[in-house]
């Protein structure tokens, strides 16, 4: 094996993708304990990596603002070249990232051949992710396997910072939740309709939780999806805690860590919840190859993905002609039963 001393890992896509790269980042550190390891991510995603002992440096690449335009990118490339990386592990190949690593003079550039300027990679790995034969975390580990590493799988783990814990604690105080009091977070948002369990189901579930379990329920969404939360709240008989304020991902992670349970659609926040060890129920609809829970379910000891196969020969995902029947087929009562089971697991774990 050639000498690897300075490694650049790039994962410049979304929240869940970064979280699911954590096992490979840890494996890289264990394989190269003396190497300098930097991880490049988009803005905001650096919060997921703060305090991670397997990383020496987090590089934030902001293509839309700080490094927008040719001149600013040339400045970034010059800076990146000065870091003298000898290996780039490109977990999500794009034309831009492949070009940056090439122009930065990184001698070995390893990534998936996605038809995105693949000629700029020195090591091209066949792109089979669209087949969805295994988990996304395993696909990242395959890049390490390509260079002769036999990595041991580990669950993603997010290191919540004390500052964020304190901010989350103060937030909960304002909502009347005392330290140690049990509460459940509902996260009914998602990036597209093919990922969204019906809002009326979230509302019905919220009422069942409050009335049957006598537990506080919080509706939590980003500000740009607050309207969805308002609709859920408007359909509920009971008054939930409503929090759709602006938080950093670190603060959101701390909030999830304090929750008794998080119930979410297939979304980035579900992976954050799993990453901090919170019990998480993630609701999946799509069974399209490469989009199903086989590849994208949250990973954790208390992580559950609920998914219904309704017999679709071909999943059209966003262009579904069946009105997302796969999501509607997941009954509120089924989710409620999983809630009770997970809460019992949580109680047992806390006492052990």
Protein backbone atom coordinates (compact mmCIF):
# COMPACT_ATOMS: atom_id res chain seq x y z
CA UNK A 1 0.00 0.00 0.00
CA UNK A 2 1.31 3.45 -0.87
CA UNK A 3 1.96 5.88 1.97
CA UNK A 4 -1.15 7.77 3.05
CA UNK A 5 -0.41 10.68 5.35
CA UNK A 6 -2.87 13.45 4.52
CA UNK A 7 -6.46 12.53 3.66
CA UNK A 8 -9.26 14.74 2.38
CA UNK A 9 -12.73 13.21 2.72
CA UNK A 10 -15.47 15.03 0.82
CA UNK A 11 -19.20 14.72 1.47
CA UNK A 12 -20.78 17.87 0.10
CA UNK A 13 -24.43 16.86 -0.08
CA UNK A 14 -27.18 16.71 2.55
CA UNK A 15 -27.66 16.11 6.27
CA UNK A 16 -28.39 12.40 6.18
CA UNK A 17 -25.55 11.75 3.75
CA UNK A 18 -23.04 13.37 6.11
CA UNK A 19 -24.34 11.45 9.14
CA UNK A 20 -24.16 8.17 7.24
CA UNK A 21 -20.52 8.91 6.32
CA UNK A 22 -19.49 8.91 9.99
CA UNK A 23 -18.75 5.15 10.12
CA UNK A 24 -16.37 5.49 7.16
CA UNK A 25 -14.68 8.53 8.71
CA UNK A 26 -14.07 6.56 11.89
CA UNK A 27 -12.82 3.59 9.87
CA UNK A 28 -10.38 5.84 8.00
CA UNK A 29 -8.95 7.09 11.27
CA UNK A 30 -8.57 3.58 12.67
CA UNK A 31 -6.85 2.46 9.46
CA UNK A 32 -4.52 5.48 9.39
CA UNK A 33 -4.06 6.54 13.03
CA UNK A 34 -1.14 8.84 12.22
CA UNK A 35 -2.66 10.52 9.18
CA UNK A 36 -4.05 14.04 9.03
CA UNK A 37 -7.74 13.75 8.14
CA UNK A 38 -9.87 16.68 6.95
CA UNK A 39 -13.53 16.45 5.97
CA UNK A 40 -15.12 18.85 3.48
CA UNK A 41 -18.85 19.57 3.80
CA UNK A 42 -21.43 22.20 2.88
CA UNK A 43 -22.35 25.08 5.22
CA UNK A 44 -24.24 24.05 8.39
CA UNK A 45 -23.10 20.44 8.04
CA UNK A 46 -19.97 21.18 10.04
CA UNK A 47 -22.14 21.12 13.18
CA UNK A 48 -22.57 17.37 12.68
CA UNK A 49 -18.80 16.92 12.84
CA UNK A 50 -17.92 19.17 15.79
CA UNK A 51 -16.03 17.41 18.55
CA UNK A 52 -15.50 14.30 16.43
CA UNK A 53 -12.21 12.77 17.65
CA UNK A 54 -11.53 11.07 14.31
CA UNK A 55 -11.25 14.34 12.39
CA UNK A 56 -8.38 16.84 12.46
CA UNK A 57 -10.07 19.57 10.43
CA UNK A 58 -13.50 20.38 9.01
CA UNK A 59 -13.49 22.37 5.77
CA UNK A 60 -16.69 24.21 4.87
CA UNK A 61 -17.07 24.67 1.13
CA UNK A 62 -19.78 27.24 0.41
CA UNK A 63 -20.27 27.12 -3.36
CA UNK A 64 -23.27 29.47 -3.32
CA UNK A 65 -21.80 32.41 -1.41
CA UNK A 66 -18.19 32.45 -0.19
CA UNK A 67 -16.83 30.51 -3.17
CA UNK A 68 -19.29 31.54 -5.85
CA UNK A 69 -17.62 32.41 -9.14
CA UNK A 70 -14.38 31.42 -10.86
CA UNK A 71 -12.01 33.79 -9.04
CA UNK A 72 -13.21 32.77 -5.59
CA UNK A 73 -12.96 29.11 -6.53
CA UNK A 74 -9.42 29.61 -7.80
CA UNK A 75 -8.56 31.17 -4.45
CA UNK A 76 -10.05 28.17 -2.65
CA UNK A 77 -8.17 25.74 -4.91
CA UNK A 78 -4.89 27.52 -4.18
CA UNK A 79 -5.61 27.29 -0.45
CA UNK A 80 -6.59 23.61 -0.75
CA UNK A 81 -3.43 22.86 -2.72
CA UNK A 82 -1.42 24.30 0.14
CA UNK A 83 -2.85 21.65 2.46
CA UNK A 84 -0.80 19.03 0.52
CA UNK A 85 -3.32 16.22 0.68
CA UNK A 86 -2.06 12.99 -0.87
CA UNK A 87 -5.43 11.20 -0.99
CA UNK A 88 -9.00 12.32 -1.62
CA UNK A 89 -11.81 9.99 -0.60
CA UNK A 90 -14.77 11.41 -2.51
CA UNK A 91 -17.90 9.91 -0.99
CA UNK A 92 -20.24 11.80 -3.35
CA UNK A 93 -18.67 12.49 -6.73
CA UNK A 94 -19.71 15.64 -8.58
CA UNK A 95 -18.11 17.51 -11.45
CA UNK A 96 -17.23 20.38 -9.15
CA UNK A 97 -15.68 18.28 -6.38
CA UNK A 98 -13.77 16.05 -8.79
CA UNK A 99 -12.38 19.16 -10.48
CA UNK A 100 -11.46 20.85 -7.19
CA UNK A 101 -9.51 17.81 -6.03
CA UNK A 102 -7.77 17.51 -9.41
CA UNK A 103 -6.77 21.18 -9.58
CA UNK A 104 -5.64 21.07 -5.94
CA UNK A 105 -3.04 18.55 -7.06
CA UNK A 106 -4.19 15.69 -4.85
CA UNK A 107 -2.32 12.71 -6.36
CA UNK A 108 -4.89 10.00 -5.66
CA UNK A 109 -8.59 10.76 -6.06
CA UNK A 110 -10.97 7.90 -5.29
CA UNK A 111 -14.71 8.04 -5.92
CA UNK A 112 -17.74 6.58 -7.62
CA UNK A 113 -17.98 6.85 -11.41
CA UNK A 114 -21.31 8.67 -11.67
CA UNK A 115 -20.75 10.22 -15.08
CA UNK A 116 -19.69 13.45 -13.38
CA UNK A 117 -16.26 14.18 -14.90
CA UNK A 118 -15.10 10.70 -13.89
CA UNK A 119 -11.90 11.13 -15.92
CA UNK A 120 -10.66 13.41 -13.12
CA UNK A 121 -10.63 10.47 -10.70
CA UNK A 122 -7.55 8.27 -10.47
CA UNK A 123 -9.59 5.42 -8.96
CA UNK A 124 -13.07 4.90 -10.37
CA UNK A 125 -15.47 2.68 -8.42
CA UNK A 126 -18.44 1.27 -10.27
CA UNK A 127 -21.57 3.23 -9.33
CA UNK A 128 -24.07 0.66 -8.08
CA UNK A 129 -25.79 2.81 -5.46
CA UNK A 130 -28.86 3.21 -7.65
CA UNK A 131 -29.47 -0.53 -7.19
CA UNK A 132 -29.85 0.01 -3.45
CA UNK A 133 -28.43 -3.42 -2.59
CA UNK A 134 -27.00 -2.26 0.74
CA UNK A 135 -26.92 0.68 3.09
CA UNK A 136 -25.46 4.06 2.14
CA UNK A 137 -23.00 3.76 5.03
CA UNK A 138 -21.65 0.58 3.44
CA UNK A 139 -21.20 2.34 0.10
CA UNK A 140 -18.91 4.86 1.81
CA UNK A 141 -17.00 2.03 3.47
CA UNK A 142 -16.54 0.48 0.01
CA UNK A 143 -14.26 3.38 -0.88
CA UNK A 144 -11.96 2.31 1.95
CA UNK A 145 -12.21 -1.30 0.84
CA UNK A 146 -11.02 -0.16 -2.57
CA UNK A 147 -7.67 0.88 -1.09
CA UNK A 148 -7.19 -2.37 0.80
CA UNK A 149 -8.82 -1.54 4.12
CA UNK A 150 -11.10 -4.06 5.82
CA UNK A 151 -13.20 -1.61 7.86
CA UNK A 152 -15.26 -2.59 10.85
CA UNK A 153 -18.81 -1.23 10.71
CA UNK A 154 -19.91 1.09 13.51
CA UNK A 155 -23.09 3.08 14.07
CA UNK A 156 -22.95 6.80 13.25
CA UNK A 157 -22.30 8.88 16.35
CA UNK A 158 -22.70 12.64 16.71
CA UNK A 159 -20.79 14.34 19.53
CA UNK A 160 -23.22 16.89 20.97
CA UNK A 161 -21.43 19.97 22.29
CA UNK A 162 -21.98 21.32 25.81
CA UNK A 163 -22.97 24.72 24.41
CA UNK A 164 -25.70 23.15 22.31
CA UNK A 165 -26.88 21.04 25.24
CA UNK A 166 -27.25 24.22 27.29
CA UNK A 167 -29.19 26.02 24.56
CA UNK A 168 -31.50 23.03 24.09
CA UNK A 169 -32.10 22.88 27.84
CA UNK A 170 -33.10 26.54 27.91
CA UNK A 171 -35.43 26.00 24.94
CA UNK A 172 -37.19 23.19 26.77
CA UNK A 173 -37.60 25.36 29.87
CA UNK A 174 -39.47 27.95 27.81
CA UNK A 175 -41.82 25.17 26.65
CA UNK A 176 -42.48 24.04 30.21
CA UNK A 177 -40.46 20.83 29.92
CA UNK A 178 -38.39 20.23 33.02
CA UNK A 179 -35.00 18.53 33.04
CA UNK A 180 -35.47 14.79 32.61
CA UNK A 181 -39.17 15.04 31.74
CA UNK A 182 -40.24 12.72 28.94
CA UNK A 183 -41.46 14.18 25.65
CA UNK A 184 -41.86 13.05 22.05
CA UNK A 185 -40.90 15.04 18.96
CA UNK A 186 -42.95 14.79 15.77
CA UNK A 187 -41.10 15.88 12.62
CA UNK A 188 -43.70 15.80 9.81
CA UNK A 189 -41.60 17.52 7.14
CA UNK A 190 -39.58 16.10 4.26
CA UNK A 191 -37.95 17.24 1.04
CA UNK A 192 -40.74 15.96 -1.23
CA UNK A 193 -44.25 14.50 -1.21
CA UNK A 194 -43.02 10.94 -1.83
CA UNK A 195 -41.44 11.02 1.63
CA UNK A 196 -44.34 12.51 3.59
CA UNK A 197 -46.72 10.48 5.73
CA UNK A 198 -50.14 12.21 5.64
CA UNK A 199 -50.28 15.21 7.98
CA UNK A 200 -53.61 14.02 9.40
CA UNK A 201 -51.84 10.84 10.51
CA UNK A 202 -49.27 12.85 12.44
CA UNK A 203 -52.14 14.79 14.05
CA UNK A 204 -54.01 11.62 15.02
CA UNK A 205 -50.82 10.07 16.38
CA UNK A 206 -50.06 13.20 18.41
CA UNK A 207 -53.49 13.02 20.04
CA UNK A 208 -53.06 9.31 20.80
CA UNK A 209 -49.70 9.96 22.45
CA UNK A 210 -51.02 12.77 24.62
CA UNK A 211 -54.27 11.04 25.58
CA UNK A 212 -53.03 7.47 26.06
CA UNK A 213 -49.46 7.91 27.25
CA UNK A 214 -49.93 11.23 29.08
CA UNK A 215 -46.73 12.49 27.50
CA UNK A 216 -45.90 15.89 26.05
CA UNK A 217 -45.65 16.13 22.27
CA UNK A 218 -43.58 18.67 20.35
CA UNK A 219 -44.03 19.47 16.67
CA UNK A 220 -40.62 20.45 15.34
CA UNK A 221 -39.79 21.71 11.85
CA UNK A 222 -37.47 24.17 10.17
CA UNK A 223 -38.94 27.68 9.73
CA UNK A 224 -39.49 27.16 5.99
CA UNK A 225 -41.76 24.19 6.74
CA UNK A 226 -43.61 25.77 9.64
CA UNK A 227 -46.81 25.78 7.58
CA UNK A 228 -46.86 21.98 7.66
CA UNK A 229 -46.56 22.06 11.43
CA UNK A 230 -49.39 24.57 11.66
CA UNK A 231 -51.63 22.24 9.69
CA UNK A 232 -50.83 19.31 11.98
CA UNK A 233 -51.48 21.44 15.06
CA UNK A 234 -54.77 22.65 13.59
CA UNK A 235 -56.01 19.08 13.17
CA UNK A 236 -55.21 18.02 16.74
CA UNK A 237 -57.70 17.95 19.62
CA UNK A 238 -54.92 18.47 22.15
CA UNK A 239 -52.45 21.31 22.23
CA UNK A 240 -48.90 20.23 21.33
CA UNK A 241 -45.73 22.18 21.93
CA UNK A 242 -45.00 23.98 18.67
CA UNK A 243 -41.39 24.76 17.81
CA UNK A 244 -40.48 25.72 14.28
CA UNK A 245 -37.74 28.17 15.14
CA UNK A 246 -34.33 28.54 13.57
CA UNK A 247 -31.70 26.30 15.14
CA UNK A 248 -28.26 25.11 14.19
CA UNK A 249 -27.90 21.42 13.46
CA UNK A 250 -25.91 21.15 16.68
CA UNK A 251 -28.80 22.59 18.69
CA UNK A 252 -31.24 20.30 16.90
CA UNK A 253 -29.04 17.33 17.76
CA UNK A 254 -29.03 18.37 21.41
CA UNK A 255 -32.81 18.74 21.38
CA UNK A 256 -33.23 15.26 19.89
CA UNK A 257 -30.80 13.83 22.44
CA UNK A 258 -33.05 15.06 25.25
CA UNK A 259 -36.22 13.64 23.66
CA UNK A 260 -37.72 10.33 24.74
CA UNK A 261 -38.52 9.55 21.11
CA UNK A 262 -38.47 11.17 17.66
CA UNK A 263 -41.00 10.27 14.96
CA UNK A 264 -40.05 11.48 11.51
CA UNK A 265 -40.49 10.99 7.81
CA UNK A 266 -37.55 9.85 5.70
CA UNK A 267 -35.46 12.97 6.28
CA UNK A 268 -32.11 14.30 7.42
CA UNK A 269 -33.28 14.98 10.99
CA UNK A 270 -34.13 11.28 11.42
CA UNK A 271 -30.44 10.48 10.92
CA UNK A 272 -29.42 13.17 13.40
CA UNK A 273 -31.77 11.61 15.97
CA UNK A 274 -30.24 8.18 15.43
CA UNK A 275 -26.76 9.71 15.56
CA UNK A 276 -27.29 11.06 19.08
CA UNK A 277 -28.79 7.78 20.28
CA UNK A 278 -32.39 8.95 20.50
CA UNK A 279 -35.09 6.36 19.85
CA UNK A 280 -36.33 7.12 16.33
CA UNK A 281 -39.20 5.88 14.20
CA UNK A 282 -38.66 6.77 10.55
CA UNK A 283 -41.60 6.40 8.17
CA UNK A 284 -40.73 5.35 4.61
CA UNK A 285 -42.85 5.17 1.50
CA UNK A 286 -40.71 4.67 -1.59
CA UNK A 287 -39.50 1.24 -2.59
CA UNK A 288 -37.66 2.40 -5.69
CA UNK A 289 -34.23 0.80 -5.95
CA UNK A 290 -31.71 3.11 -4.33
CA UNK A 291 -34.37 5.12 -2.46
CA UNK A 292 -35.81 2.52 -0.10
CA UNK A 293 -34.98 1.97 3.59
CA UNK A 294 -32.55 -0.77 2.56
CA UNK A 295 -30.19 2.06 1.63
CA UNK A 296 -31.48 5.01 3.63
CA UNK A 297 -32.95 3.92 6.97
CA UNK A 298 -31.45 5.55 10.08
CA UNK A 299 -28.85 3.42 11.85
CA UNK A 300 -28.99 3.00 15.62
CA UNK A 301 -29.78 0.59 18.44
CA UNK A 302 -33.17 2.25 18.87
CA UNK A 303 -33.86 3.12 15.23
CA UNK A 304 -36.88 1.66 13.46
CA UNK A 305 -37.95 2.17 9.85
CA UNK A 306 -41.61 1.47 9.05
CA UNK A 307 -42.24 0.65 5.41
CA UNK A 308 -45.05 -1.02 3.48
CA UNK A 309 -44.62 -2.94 0.25
CA UNK A 310 -47.94 -2.57 -1.57
CA UNK A 311 -46.88 -4.60 -4.57
CA UNK A 312 -45.73 -1.88 -6.95
CA UNK A 313 -43.81 -3.44 -9.83
CA UNK A 314 -42.11 -0.11 -10.44
CA UNK A 315 -41.82 2.75 -7.97
CA UNK A 316 -42.20 6.14 -9.66
CA UNK A 317 -41.32 8.00 -6.43
CA UNK A 318 -42.11 11.70 -7.03
CA UNK A 319 -44.29 10.81 -10.03
CA UNK A 320 -46.42 8.26 -8.17
CA UNK A 321 -49.71 7.48 -9.92
CA UNK A 322 -51.25 5.82 -6.85
CA UNK A 323 -51.40 8.85 -4.58
CA UNK A 324 -48.54 7.58 -2.41
CA UNK A 325 -50.58 4.61 -1.25
CA UNK A 326 -47.46 3.09 0.31
CA UNK A 327 -47.40 5.93 2.85
CA UNK A 328 -51.15 5.91 3.43
CA UNK A 329 -50.99 2.14 4.05
CA UNK A 330 -48.97 2.74 7.22
CA UNK A 331 -51.64 2.97 9.90
CA UNK A 332 -51.41 5.30 12.88
CA UNK A 333 -52.10 2.37 15.20
CA UNK A 334 -49.04 0.53 13.86
CA UNK A 335 -46.80 3.48 14.59
CA UNK A 336 -48.35 3.87 18.04
CA UNK A 337 -47.53 0.23 18.87
CA UNK A 338 -43.90 0.82 17.88
CA UNK A 339 -43.86 3.91 20.08
CA UNK A 340 -44.92 1.88 23.10
CA UNK A 341 -42.31 -0.76 22.34
CA UNK A 342 -39.49 1.75 21.91
CA UNK A 343 -40.39 3.68 25.04
CA UNK A 344 -40.22 0.47 27.04
CA UNK A 345 -36.80 -0.26 25.54
CA UNK A 346 -35.74 3.26 26.44
CA UNK A 347 -36.85 2.87 30.07
CA UNK A 348 -35.04 -0.46 30.42
CA UNK A 349 -31.88 1.01 28.90
CA UNK A 350 -31.92 3.97 31.27
CA UNK A 351 -32.15 1.70 34.31
CA UNK A 352 -29.43 -0.71 33.20
